[in-house]
């Protein structure tokens, strides 16, 4: 068992099956008196603890949680009741479901999640308590389902795209400084354009695919709470 104590700091192992007040909130809420009534919940927690200057117990070092079948479901590192270091979650079968690192209780670095088959399900990155860089989600086939990007301030930037499993697009949104400036949605059946949303200085321009062949345009002003429909000029009749 990994020990993250500083030199000269004493800690002792513990193993409990019922929630105790000194536990961190996330561990305390995970314990259940009757785990058989809620399959998959934590049944027993093992780890290391130490007393602080006031004499109160604090989780300090590696902690492991098990379900009623004895399967490891959660493993993490704490420093005085605060998550610090690698945290890992496991399924009922024992396969790793999620993994990520915490610093002073906040996510830091790459977080990944997997399907039961071991195929990657999602991947994201955190820095200074903000999600940054690429955020990706995948189908169980391994094909990309969604990808978005955020800057160092946690604002959406660039192009966010969603895909069907066959690789065709479901939606595409362009962001600038955290604000969406252009959005396209595609229909579920033939991947034709369903609607286009364009942000302009005077408001929002929305072009929607109608239920009838007649096209519709809506202009929503910055301070309006209603939509004003603007009809397009009719097409010229075909020349004979």
Protein backbone atom coordinates (compact mmCIF):
# COMPACT_ATOMS: atom_id res chain seq x y z
CA UNK A 1 0.00 0.00 0.00
CA UNK A 2 1.37 3.36 -1.01
CA UNK A 3 2.13 5.72 1.88
CA UNK A 4 2.17 9.43 1.10
CA UNK A 5 3.18 10.70 4.53
CA UNK A 6 5.96 13.23 4.98
CA UNK A 7 9.03 12.09 6.93
CA UNK A 8 8.28 11.88 10.62
CA UNK A 9 4.49 11.81 10.17
CA UNK A 10 2.84 8.77 11.71
CA UNK A 11 -0.18 7.04 10.18
CA UNK A 12 -2.03 3.84 10.87
CA UNK A 13 -4.12 1.48 8.74
CA UNK A 14 -7.89 1.30 9.08
CA UNK A 15 -10.70 -0.87 7.70
CA UNK A 16 -14.36 0.05 8.17
CA UNK A 17 -17.72 -1.15 6.85
CA UNK A 18 -19.94 1.65 8.16
CA UNK A 19 -19.70 5.38 7.54
CA UNK A 20 -17.94 7.38 10.24
CA UNK A 21 -18.02 11.14 10.63
CA UNK A 22 -14.29 11.64 10.17
CA UNK A 23 -14.29 10.23 6.64
CA UNK A 24 -14.22 12.60 3.63
CA UNK A 25 -17.74 13.27 2.34
CA UNK A 26 -17.31 11.27 -0.88
CA UNK A 27 -16.16 8.17 1.02
CA UNK A 28 -18.73 8.60 3.77
CA UNK A 29 -21.58 8.77 1.26
CA UNK A 30 -20.30 5.71 -0.57
CA UNK A 31 -20.65 3.33 2.35
CA UNK A 32 -24.00 1.57 2.79
CA UNK A 33 -25.18 -0.52 5.70
CA UNK A 34 -26.91 -2.98 3.37
CA UNK A 35 -24.80 -3.19 0.23
CA UNK A 36 -26.79 -6.17 -1.07
CA UNK A 37 -29.76 -3.84 -1.61
CA UNK A 38 -27.63 -1.65 -3.88
CA UNK A 39 -25.32 -3.81 -6.00
CA UNK A 40 -22.06 -2.14 -6.88
CA UNK A 41 -21.84 0.29 -3.97
CA UNK A 42 -18.84 0.29 -1.67
CA UNK A 43 -19.11 -2.11 1.21
CA UNK A 44 -15.72 -1.82 2.90
CA UNK A 45 -13.04 0.88 2.86
CA UNK A 46 -9.41 0.28 3.74
CA UNK A 47 -6.60 2.78 3.94
CA UNK A 48 -4.33 4.87 6.15
CA UNK A 49 -5.23 7.70 8.47
CA UNK A 50 -3.51 10.08 10.88
CA UNK A 51 -4.57 12.66 13.46
CA UNK A 52 -4.27 16.37 12.75
CA UNK A 53 -3.08 19.01 15.23
CA UNK A 54 -6.53 19.06 16.82
CA UNK A 55 -6.54 15.29 17.24
CA UNK A 56 -9.13 14.59 14.51
CA UNK A 57 -8.67 11.64 12.19
CA UNK A 58 -7.84 12.38 8.55
CA UNK A 59 -7.49 9.95 5.65
CA UNK A 60 -3.84 10.15 4.64
CA UNK A 61 -2.34 7.89 1.98
CA UNK A 62 -3.87 5.30 -0.31
CA UNK A 63 -7.52 4.30 0.14
CA UNK A 64 -9.23 1.28 -1.40
CA UNK A 65 -12.95 0.53 -1.51
CA UNK A 66 -14.53 -2.90 -2.09
CA UNK A 67 -18.04 -4.08 -2.89
CA UNK A 68 -19.93 -6.84 -1.08
CA UNK A 69 -18.16 -9.46 -3.24
CA UNK A 70 -14.73 -8.20 -2.26
CA UNK A 71 -14.04 -6.68 -5.68
CA UNK A 72 -11.90 -3.55 -5.72
CA UNK A 73 -14.13 -0.71 -6.99
CA UNK A 74 -12.15 2.43 -6.12
CA UNK A 75 -8.55 3.30 -5.36
CA UNK A 76 -7.25 6.79 -4.61
CA UNK A 77 -4.71 8.82 -2.67
CA UNK A 78 -5.59 11.38 -0.02
CA UNK A 79 -3.76 13.95 2.02
CA UNK A 80 -5.60 15.00 5.16
CA UNK A 81 -9.02 14.03 3.71
CA UNK A 82 -8.36 15.76 0.36
CA UNK A 83 -7.83 13.86 -2.90
CA UNK A 84 -4.23 14.11 -4.08
CA UNK A 85 -2.74 11.87 -6.72
CA UNK A 86 -4.11 9.10 -8.90
CA UNK A 87 -7.75 7.97 -8.53
CA UNK A 88 -9.15 4.89 -10.27
CA UNK A 89 -12.66 3.44 -10.54
CA UNK A 90 -13.44 -0.20 -11.40
CA UNK A 91 -16.53 -2.06 -12.58
CA UNK A 92 -18.23 -4.96 -10.82
CA UNK A 93 -16.15 -7.31 -12.95
CA UNK A 94 -12.94 -5.59 -11.83
CA UNK A 95 -12.21 -3.79 -15.10
CA UNK A 96 -10.97 -0.22 -14.91
CA UNK A 97 -13.77 2.24 -15.71
CA UNK A 98 -12.17 5.63 -15.10
CA UNK A 99 -8.81 7.08 -14.16
CA UNK A 100 -7.55 10.57 -13.35
CA UNK A 101 -5.30 12.59 -11.09
CA UNK A 102 -6.32 15.14 -8.45
CA UNK A 103 -4.36 17.99 -6.92
CA UNK A 104 -5.69 19.54 -3.72
CA UNK A 105 -9.11 18.04 -4.41
CA UNK A 106 -9.42 19.28 -8.00
CA UNK A 107 -8.90 17.28 -11.22
CA UNK A 108 -5.52 17.88 -12.84
CA UNK A 109 -4.24 16.26 -16.02
CA UNK A 110 -5.84 13.68 -18.29
CA UNK A 111 -9.03 11.86 -17.28
CA UNK A 112 -10.11 8.78 -19.21
CA UNK A 113 -13.09 6.41 -19.04
CA UNK A 114 -13.57 3.00 -20.66
CA UNK A 115 -16.40 0.71 -21.64
CA UNK A 116 -16.58 -2.72 -20.03
CA UNK A 117 -14.96 -4.06 -23.20
CA UNK A 118 -11.88 -1.93 -22.56
CA UNK A 119 -12.62 0.45 -25.45
CA UNK A 120 -12.02 4.11 -24.62
CA UNK A 121 -15.28 5.94 -23.80
CA UNK A 122 -14.10 9.49 -23.09
CA UNK A 123 -10.95 11.55 -22.67
CA UNK A 124 -10.53 15.06 -21.23
CA UNK A 125 -7.80 17.23 -19.73
CA UNK A 126 -7.87 19.54 -16.72
CA UNK A 127 -5.54 22.32 -15.65
CA UNK A 128 -5.89 24.87 -12.84
CA UNK A 129 -9.42 23.61 -12.07
CA UNK A 130 -10.56 24.14 -15.69
CA UNK A 131 -11.14 21.73 -18.52
CA UNK A 132 -8.69 22.56 -21.31
CA UNK A 133 -7.67 21.22 -24.69
CA UNK A 134 -9.61 18.47 -26.46
CA UNK A 135 -12.65 16.76 -24.92
CA UNK A 136 -13.54 13.54 -26.72
CA UNK A 137 -16.26 10.90 -26.47
CA UNK A 138 -16.30 7.61 -28.35
CA UNK A 139 -18.77 4.92 -29.37
CA UNK A 140 -18.16 1.41 -28.05
CA UNK A 141 -16.94 0.56 -31.53
CA UNK A 142 -14.04 2.96 -30.90
CA UNK A 143 -15.26 5.53 -33.42
CA UNK A 144 -15.27 9.18 -32.40
CA UNK A 145 -18.66 10.44 -31.19
CA UNK A 146 -17.93 14.02 -30.06
CA UNK A 147 -14.98 16.38 -29.94
CA UNK A 148 -14.78 19.90 -28.50
CA UNK A 149 -11.96 22.23 -27.44
CA UNK A 150 -11.47 24.71 -24.61
CA UNK A 151 -8.78 27.29 -23.99
CA UNK A 152 -6.77 27.90 -20.80
CA UNK A 153 -9.71 29.89 -19.39
CA UNK A 154 -12.06 26.95 -19.84
CA UNK A 155 -13.93 28.65 -22.72
CA UNK A 156 -15.14 26.79 -25.78
CA UNK A 157 -13.04 27.58 -28.85
CA UNK A 158 -12.67 26.28 -32.37
CA UNK A 159 -15.09 23.74 -33.83
CA UNK A 160 -17.20 21.27 -31.85
CA UNK A 161 -18.40 18.28 -33.90
CA UNK A 162 -20.72 15.38 -33.17
CA UNK A 163 -20.78 12.25 -35.35
CA UNK A 164 -23.02 9.28 -35.93
CA UNK A 165 -21.38 5.92 -35.62
CA UNK A 166 -21.22 5.67 -39.42
CA UNK A 167 -19.00 8.77 -39.47
CA UNK A 168 -21.58 11.26 -40.77
CA UNK A 169 -22.01 14.51 -38.83
CA UNK A 170 -24.85 15.21 -36.39
CA UNK A 171 -23.88 18.79 -35.54
CA UNK A 172 -21.06 21.28 -35.98
CA UNK A 173 -20.62 24.41 -33.86
CA UNK A 174 -17.96 27.09 -34.21
CA UNK A 175 -16.91 29.00 -31.08
CA UNK A 176 -15.00 32.22 -30.63
CA UNK A 177 -13.95 33.34 -27.12
CA UNK A 178 -16.46 31.01 -25.52
CA UNK A 179 -19.41 32.16 -27.66
CA UNK A 180 -20.97 30.08 -30.41
CA UNK A 181 -20.99 32.03 -33.64
CA UNK A 182 -22.18 29.39 -36.08
CA UNK A 183 -24.11 26.16 -35.62
CA UNK A 184 -25.31 23.53 -38.07
CA UNK A 185 -27.58 20.59 -37.22
CA UNK A 186 -28.14 17.65 -39.55
CA UNK A 187 -31.19 15.43 -39.85
CA UNK A 188 -31.13 11.91 -38.46
CA UNK A 189 -32.25 10.19 -41.62
CA UNK A 190 -30.38 11.56 -44.62
CA UNK A 191 -27.77 13.83 -42.94
CA UNK A 192 -29.27 16.83 -44.74
CA UNK A 193 -28.99 20.21 -43.06
CA UNK A 194 -31.82 20.67 -40.56
CA UNK A 195 -30.96 24.14 -39.27
CA UNK A 196 -28.24 26.77 -39.34
CA UNK A 197 -27.74 29.29 -36.53
CA UNK A 198 -25.54 32.34 -37.16
CA UNK A 199 -24.78 34.92 -34.44
CA UNK A 200 -24.70 38.45 -35.81
CA UNK A 201 -24.36 41.86 -34.18
CA UNK A 202 -28.09 42.59 -34.32
CA UNK A 203 -29.17 39.24 -32.92
CA UNK A 204 -29.42 35.65 -34.06
CA UNK A 205 -30.17 34.49 -37.58
CA UNK A 206 -31.75 31.03 -37.69
CA UNK A 207 -32.35 29.14 -40.90
CA UNK A 208 -34.46 26.04 -40.33
CA UNK A 209 -35.42 23.17 -42.57
CA UNK A 210 -39.24 23.38 -42.72
CA UNK A 211 -41.78 20.62 -42.77
CA UNK A 212 -42.85 21.90 -46.17
CA UNK A 213 -40.68 22.80 -49.17
CA UNK A 214 -40.95 26.48 -48.27
CA UNK A 215 -37.85 27.74 -46.47
CA UNK A 216 -38.14 29.85 -43.31
CA UNK A 217 -35.80 32.39 -41.76
CA UNK A 218 -36.19 33.68 -38.19
CA UNK A 219 -34.51 36.80 -36.87
CA UNK A 220 -34.22 37.02 -33.06
CA UNK A 221 -33.08 40.44 -31.89
CA UNK A 222 -30.73 40.87 -28.96
CA UNK A 223 -33.51 42.10 -26.68
CA UNK A 224 -36.48 40.32 -28.26
CA UNK A 225 -38.38 37.53 -26.58
CA UNK A 226 -40.19 36.49 -29.75
CA UNK A 227 -39.31 35.31 -33.23
CA UNK A 228 -40.10 37.32 -36.35
CA UNK A 229 -40.47 35.15 -39.41
CA UNK A 230 -38.99 36.56 -42.59
CA UNK A 231 -40.12 34.87 -45.76
CA UNK A 232 -37.66 34.43 -48.58
CA UNK A 233 -38.55 35.76 -52.01
CA UNK A 234 -40.31 33.17 -54.10
CA UNK A 235 -38.25 31.49 -56.74
CA UNK A 236 -38.72 32.79 -60.24
CA UNK A 237 -40.92 30.50 -62.34
CA UNK A 238 -38.95 28.21 -64.61
CA UNK A 239 -38.46 29.46 -68.12
CA UNK A 240 -40.43 27.63 -70.76
